[in-house]
């Protein structure tokens, strides 16, 4: 019974292979490279910004079919550009 519950939990958590990547970097540092690396991962379908403030000063290219989600109370700042995605 425990194995069945664990399997159901894993299926609901990972949604048939769809993966979210949570960005929780410290405020103040440029997160451009970290965001791009997260989007470049084949197993990631969405990146969630959970830091209070995240700086983007470069260009982030979001591949087709992927999403950038910003949690309530969080914000992106900087002079960068974010292109692509859904």
PDB file of N, CA and C in Angstrom:
ATOM      1  N   UNK A   1       0.811  -1.191   0.000  1.00  0.00           N
ATOM      2  CA  UNK A   1       0.000   0.000   0.000  1.00  0.00           C
ATOM      3  C   UNK A   1       0.855   1.256   0.000  1.00  0.00           C
ATOM      4  N   UNK A   2       1.941   1.227   0.794  1.00  0.00           N
ATOM      5  CA  UNK A   2       2.833   2.386   0.839  1.00  0.00           C
ATOM      6  C   UNK A   2       3.451   2.644  -0.528  1.00  0.00           C
ATOM      7  N   UNK A   3       3.809   1.583  -1.243  1.00  0.00           N
ATOM      8  CA  UNK A   3       4.412   1.746  -2.570  1.00  0.00           C
ATOM      9  C   UNK A   3       3.445   2.380  -3.554  1.00  0.00           C
ATOM     10  N   UNK A   4       2.166   2.010  -3.466  1.00  0.00           N
ATOM     11  CA  UNK A   4       1.163   2.589  -4.358  1.00  0.00           C
ATOM     12  C   UNK A   4       0.986   4.069  -4.060  1.00  0.00           C
ATOM     13  N   UNK A   5       0.936   4.437  -2.778  1.00  0.00           N
ATOM     14  CA  UNK A   5       0.801   5.844  -2.408  1.00  0.00           C
ATOM     15  C   UNK A   5       2.018   6.647  -2.856  1.00  0.00           C
ATOM     16  N   UNK A   6       3.194   6.084  -2.695  1.00  0.00           N
ATOM     17  CA  UNK A   6       4.412   6.761  -3.125  1.00  0.00           C
ATOM     18  C   UNK A   6       4.414   6.963  -4.636  1.00  0.00           C
ATOM     19  N   UNK A   7       4.010   5.965  -5.387  1.00  0.00           N
ATOM     20  CA  UNK A   7       3.947   6.067  -6.841  1.00  0.00           C
ATOM     21  C   UNK A   7       2.953   7.144  -7.260  1.00  0.00           C
ATOM     22  N   UNK A   8       1.777   7.179  -6.645  1.00  0.00           N
ATOM     23  CA  UNK A   8       0.786   8.219  -6.958  1.00  0.00           C
ATOM     24  C   UNK A   8       1.329   9.605  -6.652  1.00  0.00           C
ATOM     25  N   UNK A   9       2.019   9.748  -5.531  1.00  0.00           N
ATOM     26  CA  UNK A   9       2.618  11.030  -5.171  1.00  0.00           C
ATOM     27  C   UNK A   9       3.648  11.474  -6.206  1.00  0.00           C
ATOM     28  N   UNK A  10       4.501  10.563  -6.624  1.00  0.00           N
ATOM     29  CA  UNK A  10       5.527  10.904  -7.603  1.00  0.00           C
ATOM     30  C   UNK A  10       4.923  11.287  -8.950  1.00  0.00           C
ATOM     31  N   UNK A  11       3.900  10.587  -9.381  1.00  0.00           N
ATOM     32  CA  UNK A  11       3.254  10.906 -10.657  1.00  0.00           C
ATOM     33  C   UNK A  11       2.611  12.285 -10.594  1.00  0.00           C
ATOM     34  N   UNK A  12       1.934  12.601  -9.489  1.00  0.00           N
ATOM     35  CA  UNK A  12       1.290  13.912  -9.353  1.00  0.00           C
ATOM     36  C   UNK A  12       2.322  15.019  -9.215  1.00  0.00           C
ATOM     37  N   UNK A  13       3.416  14.765  -8.543  1.00  0.00           N
ATOM     38  CA  UNK A  13       4.439  15.775  -8.322  1.00  0.00           C
ATOM     39  C   UNK A  13       5.183  16.119  -9.599  1.00  0.00           C
ATOM     40  N   UNK A  14       5.534  15.130 -10.390  1.00  0.00           N
ATOM     41  CA  UNK A  14       6.357  15.379 -11.562  1.00  0.00           C
ATOM     42  C   UNK A  14       5.562  15.480 -12.847  1.00  0.00           C
ATOM     43  N   UNK A  15       4.274  15.310 -12.840  1.00  0.00           N
ATOM     44  CA  UNK A  15       3.408  15.550 -13.988  1.00  0.00           C
ATOM     45  C   UNK A  15       3.893  14.956 -15.289  1.00  0.00           C
ATOM     46  N   UNK A  16       4.140  13.683 -15.329  1.00  0.00           N
ATOM     47  CA  UNK A  16       4.522  12.968 -16.552  1.00  0.00           C
ATOM     48  C   UNK A  16       5.769  13.560 -17.198  1.00  0.00           C
ATOM     49  N   UNK A  17       6.758  13.881 -16.407  1.00  0.00           N
ATOM     50  CA  UNK A  17       8.031  14.331 -16.952  1.00  0.00           C
ATOM     51  C   UNK A  17       8.231  15.835 -16.968  1.00  0.00           C
ATOM     52  N   UNK A  18       7.190  16.620 -16.768  1.00  0.00           N
ATOM     53  CA  UNK A  18       7.327  18.074 -16.755  1.00  0.00           C
ATOM     54  C   UNK A  18       8.003  18.491 -15.455  1.00  0.00           C
ATOM     55  N   UNK A  19       9.054  19.292 -15.567  1.00  0.00           N
ATOM     56  CA  UNK A  19       9.822  19.706 -14.407  1.00  0.00           C
ATOM     57  C   UNK A  19       9.852  21.218 -14.282  1.00  0.00           C
ATOM     58  N   UNK A  20       9.696  21.701 -13.054  1.00  0.00           N
ATOM     59  CA  UNK A  20       9.875  23.117 -12.759  1.00  0.00           C
ATOM     60  C   UNK A  20      11.206  23.282 -12.052  1.00  0.00           C
ATOM     61  N   UNK A  21      11.862  24.380 -12.331  1.00  0.00           N
ATOM     62  CA  UNK A  21      13.137  24.694 -11.694  1.00  0.00           C
ATOM     63  C   UNK A  21      12.928  25.975 -10.914  1.00  0.00           C
ATOM     64  N   UNK A  22      13.200  25.975  -9.628  1.00  0.00           N
ATOM     65  CA  UNK A  22      12.980  27.134  -8.774  1.00  0.00           C
ATOM     66  C   UNK A  22      14.259  27.943  -8.627  1.00  0.00           C
ATOM     67  N   UNK A  23      14.169  29.228  -8.965  1.00  0.00           N
ATOM     68  CA  UNK A  23      15.302  30.145  -8.818  1.00  0.00           C
ATOM     69  C   UNK A  23      15.124  30.905  -7.516  1.00  0.00           C
ATOM     70  N   UNK A  24      16.029  30.694  -6.581  1.00  0.00           N
ATOM     71  CA  UNK A  24      15.962  31.385  -5.296  1.00  0.00           C
ATOM     72  C   UNK A  24      17.332  31.957  -4.951  1.00  0.00           C
ATOM     73  N   UNK A  25      17.887  32.695  -5.901  1.00  0.00           N
ATOM     74  CA  UNK A  25      19.209  33.294  -5.683  1.00  0.00           C
ATOM     75  C   UNK A  25      19.109  34.496  -4.760  1.00  0.00           C
ATOM     76  N   UNK A  26      20.218  34.829  -4.138  1.00  0.00           N
ATOM     77  CA  UNK A  26      20.277  36.002  -3.281  1.00  0.00           C
ATOM     78  C   UNK A  26      20.074  37.266  -4.106  1.00  0.00           C
ATOM     79  N   UNK A  27      19.385  38.231  -3.534  1.00  0.00           N
ATOM     80  CA  UNK A  27      19.140  39.499  -4.221  1.00  0.00           C
ATOM     81  C   UNK A  27      20.459  40.231  -4.445  1.00  0.00           C
ATOM     82  N   UNK A  28      20.551  40.939  -5.545  1.00  0.00           N
ATOM     83  CA  UNK A  28      21.727  41.772  -5.808  1.00  0.00           C
ATOM     84  C   UNK A  28      22.647  41.242  -6.880  1.00  0.00           C
ATOM     85  N   UNK A  29      22.762  39.928  -7.072  1.00  0.00           N
ATOM     86  CA  UNK A  29      23.637  39.375  -8.095  1.00  0.00           C
ATOM     87  C   UNK A  29      22.923  39.237  -9.424  1.00  0.00           C
ATOM     88  N   UNK A  30      23.675  39.297 -10.518  1.00  0.00           N
ATOM     89  CA  UNK A  30      23.094  39.137 -11.850  1.00  0.00           C
ATOM     90  C   UNK A  30      22.753  37.667 -12.074  1.00  0.00           C
ATOM     91  N   UNK A  31      21.480  37.389 -12.355  1.00  0.00           N
ATOM     92  CA  UNK A  31      21.001  36.018 -12.497  1.00  0.00           C
ATOM     93  C   UNK A  31      20.842  35.595 -13.956  1.00  0.00           C
ATOM     94  N   UNK A  32      21.331  36.389 -14.902  1.00  0.00           N
ATOM     95  CA  UNK A  32      21.157  36.086 -16.324  1.00  0.00           C
ATOM     96  C   UNK A  32      21.690  34.699 -16.671  1.00  0.00           C
ATOM     97  N   UNK A  33      22.920  34.418 -16.314  1.00  0.00           N
ATOM     98  CA  UNK A  33      23.538  33.127 -16.660  1.00  0.00           C
ATOM     99  C   UNK A  33      22.801  31.964 -15.993  1.00  0.00           C
ATOM    100  N   UNK A  34      22.397  32.134 -14.744  1.00  0.00           N
ATOM    101  CA  UNK A  34      21.682  31.067 -14.037  1.00  0.00           C
ATOM    102  C   UNK A  34      20.327  30.786 -14.668  1.00  0.00           C
ATOM    103  N   UNK A  35      19.597  31.841 -15.052  1.00  0.00           N
ATOM    104  CA  UNK A  35      18.316  31.658 -15.720  1.00  0.00           C
ATOM    105  C   UNK A  35      18.491  30.930 -17.046  1.00  0.00           C
ATOM    106  N   UNK A  36      19.496  31.345 -17.832  1.00  0.00           N
ATOM    107  CA  UNK A  36      19.715  30.719 -19.133  1.00  0.00           C
ATOM    108  C   UNK A  36      20.082  29.248 -18.979  1.00  0.00           C
ATOM    109  N   UNK A  37      20.929  28.935 -18.003  1.00  0.00           N
ATOM    110  CA  UNK A  37      21.309  27.539 -17.765  1.00  0.00           C
ATOM    111  C   UNK A  37      20.098  26.704 -17.386  1.00  0.00           C
ATOM    112  N   UNK A  38      19.195  27.257 -16.584  1.00  0.00           N
ATOM    113  CA  UNK A  38      17.988  26.530 -16.198  1.00  0.00           C
ATOM    114  C   UNK A  38      17.108  26.259 -17.417  1.00  0.00           C
ATOM    115  N   UNK A  39      16.937  27.258 -18.290  1.00  0.00           N
ATOM    116  CA  UNK A  39      16.119  27.070 -19.489  1.00  0.00           C
ATOM    117  C   UNK A  39      16.767  26.138 -20.496  1.00  0.00           C
ATOM    118  N   UNK A  40      18.078  26.056 -20.515  1.00  0.00           N
ATOM    119  CA  UNK A  40      18.773  25.181 -21.457  1.00  0.00           C
ATOM    120  C   UNK A  40      18.696  23.706 -21.074  1.00  0.00           C
ATOM    121  N   UNK A  41      18.321  23.404 -19.848  1.00  0.00           N
ATOM    122  CA  UNK A  41      18.183  22.007 -19.420  1.00  0.00           C
ATOM    123  C   UNK A  41      17.003  21.369 -20.136  1.00  0.00           C
ATOM    124  N   UNK A  42      17.208  20.189 -20.688  1.00  0.00           N
ATOM    125  CA  UNK A  42      16.168  19.484 -21.445  1.00  0.00           C
ATOM    126  C   UNK A  42      14.998  19.044 -20.563  1.00  0.00           C
ATOM    127  N   UNK A  43      15.267  18.742 -19.278  1.00  0.00           N
ATOM    128  CA  UNK A  43      14.222  18.234 -18.396  1.00  0.00           C
ATOM    129  C   UNK A  43      13.374  19.324 -17.746  1.00  0.00           C
ATOM    130  N   UNK A  44      13.698  20.580 -17.963  1.00  0.00           N
ATOM    131  CA  UNK A  44      12.969  21.691 -17.343  1.00  0.00           C
ATOM    132  C   UNK A  44      11.980  22.289 -18.344  1.00  0.00           C
ATOM    133  N   UNK A  45      10.703  22.402 -17.920  1.00  0.00           N
ATOM    134  CA  UNK A  45       9.688  23.007 -18.779  1.00  0.00           C
ATOM    135  C   UNK A  45       9.275  24.389 -18.290  1.00  0.00           C
ATOM    136  N   UNK A  46       9.542  24.699 -17.019  1.00  0.00           N
ATOM    137  CA  UNK A  46       9.256  26.031 -16.513  1.00  0.00           C
ATOM    138  C   UNK A  46      10.265  26.390 -15.431  1.00  0.00           C
ATOM    139  N   UNK A  47      10.555  27.689 -15.356  1.00  0.00           N
ATOM    140  CA  UNK A  47      11.454  28.207 -14.335  1.00  0.00           C
ATOM    141  C   UNK A  47      10.628  29.151 -13.472  1.00  0.00           C
ATOM    142  N   UNK A  48      10.683  28.951 -12.167  1.00  0.00           N
ATOM    143  CA  UNK A  48       9.906  29.747 -11.224  1.00  0.00           C
ATOM    144  C   UNK A  48      10.854  30.653 -10.452  1.00  0.00           C
ATOM    145  N   UNK A  49      10.595  31.968 -10.510  1.00  0.00           N
ATOM    146  CA  UNK A  49      11.394  32.936  -9.760  1.00  0.00           C
ATOM    147  C   UNK A  49      10.744  33.076  -8.388  1.00  0.00           C
ATOM    148  N   UNK A  50      11.501  32.689  -7.362  1.00  0.00           N
ATOM    149  CA  UNK A  50      10.998  32.741  -6.003  1.00  0.00           C
ATOM    150  C   UNK A  50      11.801  33.669  -5.114  1.00  0.00           C
ATOM    151  N   UNK A  51      12.776  34.367  -5.677  1.00  0.00           N
ATOM    152  CA  UNK A  51      13.576  35.325  -4.916  1.00  0.00           C
ATOM    153  C   UNK A  51      12.831  36.649  -4.867  1.00  0.00           C
ATOM    154  N   UNK A  52      12.991  37.388  -3.783  1.00  0.00           N
ATOM    155  CA  UNK A  52      12.300  38.671  -3.645  1.00  0.00           C
ATOM    156  C   UNK A  52      12.637  39.604  -4.797  1.00  0.00           C
ATOM    157  N   UNK A  53      13.899  39.627  -5.213  1.00  0.00           N
ATOM    158  CA  UNK A  53      14.331  40.470  -6.316  1.00  0.00           C
ATOM    159  C   UNK A  53      15.462  39.764  -7.049  1.00  0.00           C
ATOM    160  N   UNK A  54      15.376  39.710  -8.362  1.00  0.00           N
ATOM    161  CA  UNK A  54      16.394  39.055  -9.164  1.00  0.00           C
ATOM    162  C   UNK A  54      16.802  40.003 -10.292  1.00  0.00           C
ATOM    163  N   UNK A  55      18.097  40.185 -10.485  1.00  0.00           N
ATOM    164  CA  UNK A  55      18.628  41.110 -11.486  1.00  0.00           C
ATOM    165  C   UNK A  55      18.951  40.353 -12.773  1.00  0.00           C
ATOM    166  N   UNK A  56      18.481  40.893 -13.907  1.00  0.00           N
ATOM    167  CA  UNK A  56      18.795  40.354 -15.232  1.00  0.00           C
ATOM    168  C   UNK A  56      19.368  41.501 -16.052  1.00  0.00           C
ATOM    169  N   UNK A  57      20.680  41.449 -16.322  1.00  0.00           N
ATOM    170  CA  UNK A  57      21.335  42.503 -17.089  1.00  0.00           C
ATOM    171  C   UNK A  57      21.751  42.047 -18.480  1.00  0.00           C
ATOM    172  N   UNK A  58      21.614  40.774 -18.782  1.00  0.00           N
ATOM    173  CA  UNK A  58      21.967  40.245 -20.102  1.00  0.00           C
ATOM    174  C   UNK A  58      20.715  39.813 -20.841  1.00  0.00           C
ATOM    175  N   UNK A  59      20.899  38.923 -21.823  1.00  0.00           N
ATOM    176  CA  UNK A  59      19.774  38.420 -22.609  1.00  0.00           C
ATOM    177  C   UNK A  59      19.504  36.970 -22.240  1.00  0.00           C
ATOM    178  N   UNK A  60      18.237  36.673 -21.945  1.00  0.00           N
ATOM    179  CA  UNK A  60      17.790  35.317 -21.660  1.00  0.00           C
ATOM    180  C   UNK A  60      16.882  34.907 -22.808  1.00  0.00           C
ATOM    181  N   UNK A  61      17.218  33.804 -23.475  1.00  0.00           N
ATOM    182  CA  UNK A  61      16.414  33.282 -24.579  1.00  0.00           C
ATOM    183  C   UNK A  61      15.685  32.035 -24.080  1.00  0.00           C
ATOM    184  N   UNK A  62      14.368  32.158 -23.939  1.00  0.00           N
ATOM    185  CA  UNK A  62      13.558  31.045 -23.455  1.00  0.00           C
ATOM    186  C   UNK A  62      13.146  30.199 -24.656  1.00  0.00           C
ATOM    187  N   UNK A  63      13.487  28.912 -24.662  1.00  0.00           N
ATOM    188  CA  UNK A  63      13.108  28.041 -25.779  1.00  0.00           C
ATOM    189  C   UNK A  63      11.588  27.926 -25.920  1.00  0.00           C
ATOM    190  N   UNK A  64      11.144  27.648 -27.123  1.00  0.00           N
ATOM    191  CA  UNK A  64       9.715  27.478 -27.394  1.00  0.00           C
ATOM    192  C   UNK A  64       9.125  26.396 -26.496  1.00  0.00           C
ATOM    193  N   UNK A  65       7.951  26.637 -25.981  1.00  0.00           N
ATOM    194  CA  UNK A  65       7.272  25.663 -25.149  1.00  0.00           C
ATOM    195  C   UNK A  65       7.609  25.729 -23.673  1.00  0.00           C
ATOM    196  N   UNK A  66       8.543  26.589 -23.283  1.00  0.00           N
ATOM    197  CA  UNK A  66       8.917  26.718 -21.879  1.00  0.00           C
ATOM    198  C   UNK A  66       8.371  28.036 -21.333  1.00  0.00           C
ATOM    199  N   UNK A  67       8.181  28.092 -20.003  1.00  0.00           N
ATOM    200  CA  UNK A  67       7.602  29.272 -19.383  1.00  0.00           C
ATOM    201  C   UNK A  67       8.461  29.800 -18.241  1.00  0.00           C
ATOM    202  N   UNK A  68       8.337  31.101 -18.015  1.00  0.00           N
ATOM    203  CA  UNK A  68       8.950  31.768 -16.875  1.00  0.00           C
ATOM    204  C   UNK A  68       7.812  32.206 -15.978  1.00  0.00           C
ATOM    205  N   UNK A  69       7.814  31.743 -14.737  1.00  0.00           N
ATOM    206  CA  UNK A  69       6.774  32.092 -13.772  1.00  0.00           C
ATOM    207  C   UNK A  69       7.408  32.907 -12.657  1.00  0.00           C
ATOM    208  N   UNK A  70       6.752  33.994 -12.301  1.00  0.00           N
ATOM    209  CA  UNK A  70       7.243  34.845 -11.215  1.00  0.00           C
ATOM    210  C   UNK A  70       6.226  34.775 -10.083  1.00  0.00           C
ATOM    211  N   UNK A  71       6.665  34.294  -8.925  1.00  0.00           N
ATOM    212  CA  UNK A  71       5.774  34.133  -7.789  1.00  0.00           C
ATOM    213  C   UNK A  71       5.343  35.496  -7.256  1.00  0.00           C
ATOM    214  N   UNK A  72       4.159  35.578  -6.636  1.00  0.00           N
ATOM    215  CA  UNK A  72       3.694  36.836  -6.053  1.00  0.00           C
ATOM    216  C   UNK A  72       4.709  37.402  -5.057  1.00  0.00           C
ATOM    217  N   UNK A  73       4.930  38.696  -5.132  1.00  0.00           N
ATOM    218  CA  UNK A  73       5.871  39.357  -4.245  1.00  0.00           C
ATOM    219  C   UNK A  73       7.305  39.352  -4.748  1.00  0.00           C
ATOM    220  N   UNK A  74       7.557  38.687  -5.858  1.00  0.00           N
ATOM    221  CA  UNK A  74       8.895  38.616  -6.439  1.00  0.00           C
ATOM    222  C   UNK A  74       8.956  39.544  -7.650  1.00  0.00           C
ATOM    223  N   UNK A  75      10.163  39.989  -8.008  1.00  0.00           N
ATOM    224  CA  UNK A  75      10.283  40.863  -9.166  1.00  0.00           C
ATOM    225  C   UNK A  75      11.628  40.674  -9.853  1.00  0.00           C
ATOM    226  N   UNK A  76      11.637  41.000 -11.147  1.00  0.00           N
ATOM    227  CA  UNK A  76      12.865  41.028 -11.930  1.00  0.00           C
ATOM    228  C   UNK A  76      13.236  42.487 -12.161  1.00  0.00           C
ATOM    229  N   UNK A  77      14.515  42.783 -12.011  1.00  0.00           N
ATOM    230  CA  UNK A  77      14.998  44.131 -12.277  1.00  0.00           C
ATOM    231  C   UNK A  77      16.222  44.041 -13.174  1.00  0.00           C
ATOM    232  N   UNK A  78      16.728  45.174 -13.632  1.00  0.00           N
ATOM    233  CA  UNK A  78      17.926  45.201 -14.454  1.00  0.00           C
ATOM    234  C   UNK A  78      17.646  45.765 -15.828  1.00  0.00           C
ATOM    235  N   UNK A  79      18.670  45.722 -16.672  1.00  0.00           N
ATOM    236  CA  UNK A  79      18.589  46.296 -18.017  1.00  0.00           C
ATOM    237  C   UNK A  79      18.564  45.219 -19.094  1.00  0.00           C
ATOM    238  N   UNK A  80      18.336  43.985 -18.712  1.00  0.00           N
ATOM    239  CA  UNK A  80      18.383  42.872 -19.651  1.00  0.00           C
ATOM    240  C   UNK A  80      17.115  42.699 -20.469  1.00  0.00           C
ATOM    241  N   UNK A  81      17.140  41.664 -21.313  1.00  0.00           N
ATOM    242  CA  UNK A  81      16.033  41.336 -22.198  1.00  0.00           C
ATOM    243  C   UNK A  81      15.701  39.861 -22.037  1.00  0.00           C
ATOM    244  N   UNK A  82      14.401  39.554 -22.008  1.00  0.00           N
ATOM    245  CA  UNK A  82      13.952  38.173 -21.957  1.00  0.00           C
ATOM    246  C   UNK A  82      13.100  37.933 -23.195  1.00  0.00           C
ATOM    247  N   UNK A  83      13.501  36.953 -24.030  1.00  0.00           N
ATOM    248  CA  UNK A  83      12.812  36.662 -25.290  1.00  0.00           C
ATOM    249  C   UNK A  83      12.357  35.210 -25.321  1.00  0.00           C
ATOM    250  N   UNK A  84      11.280  34.965 -26.074  1.00  0.00           N
ATOM    251  CA  UNK A  84      10.848  33.598 -26.363  1.00  0.00           C
ATOM    252  C   UNK A  84       9.852  33.044 -25.374  1.00  0.00           C
ATOM    253  N   UNK A  85       9.801  31.719 -25.322  1.00  0.00           N
ATOM    254  CA  UNK A  85       8.888  31.011 -24.436  1.00  0.00           C
ATOM    255  C   UNK A  85       7.481  30.975 -24.974  1.00  0.00           C
ATOM    256  N   UNK A  86       6.568  30.618 -24.090  1.00  0.00           N
ATOM    257  CA  UNK A  86       5.151  30.554 -24.453  1.00  0.00           C
ATOM    258  C   UNK A  86       4.573  31.950 -24.333  1.00  0.00           C
TER     259      UNK A  86
END
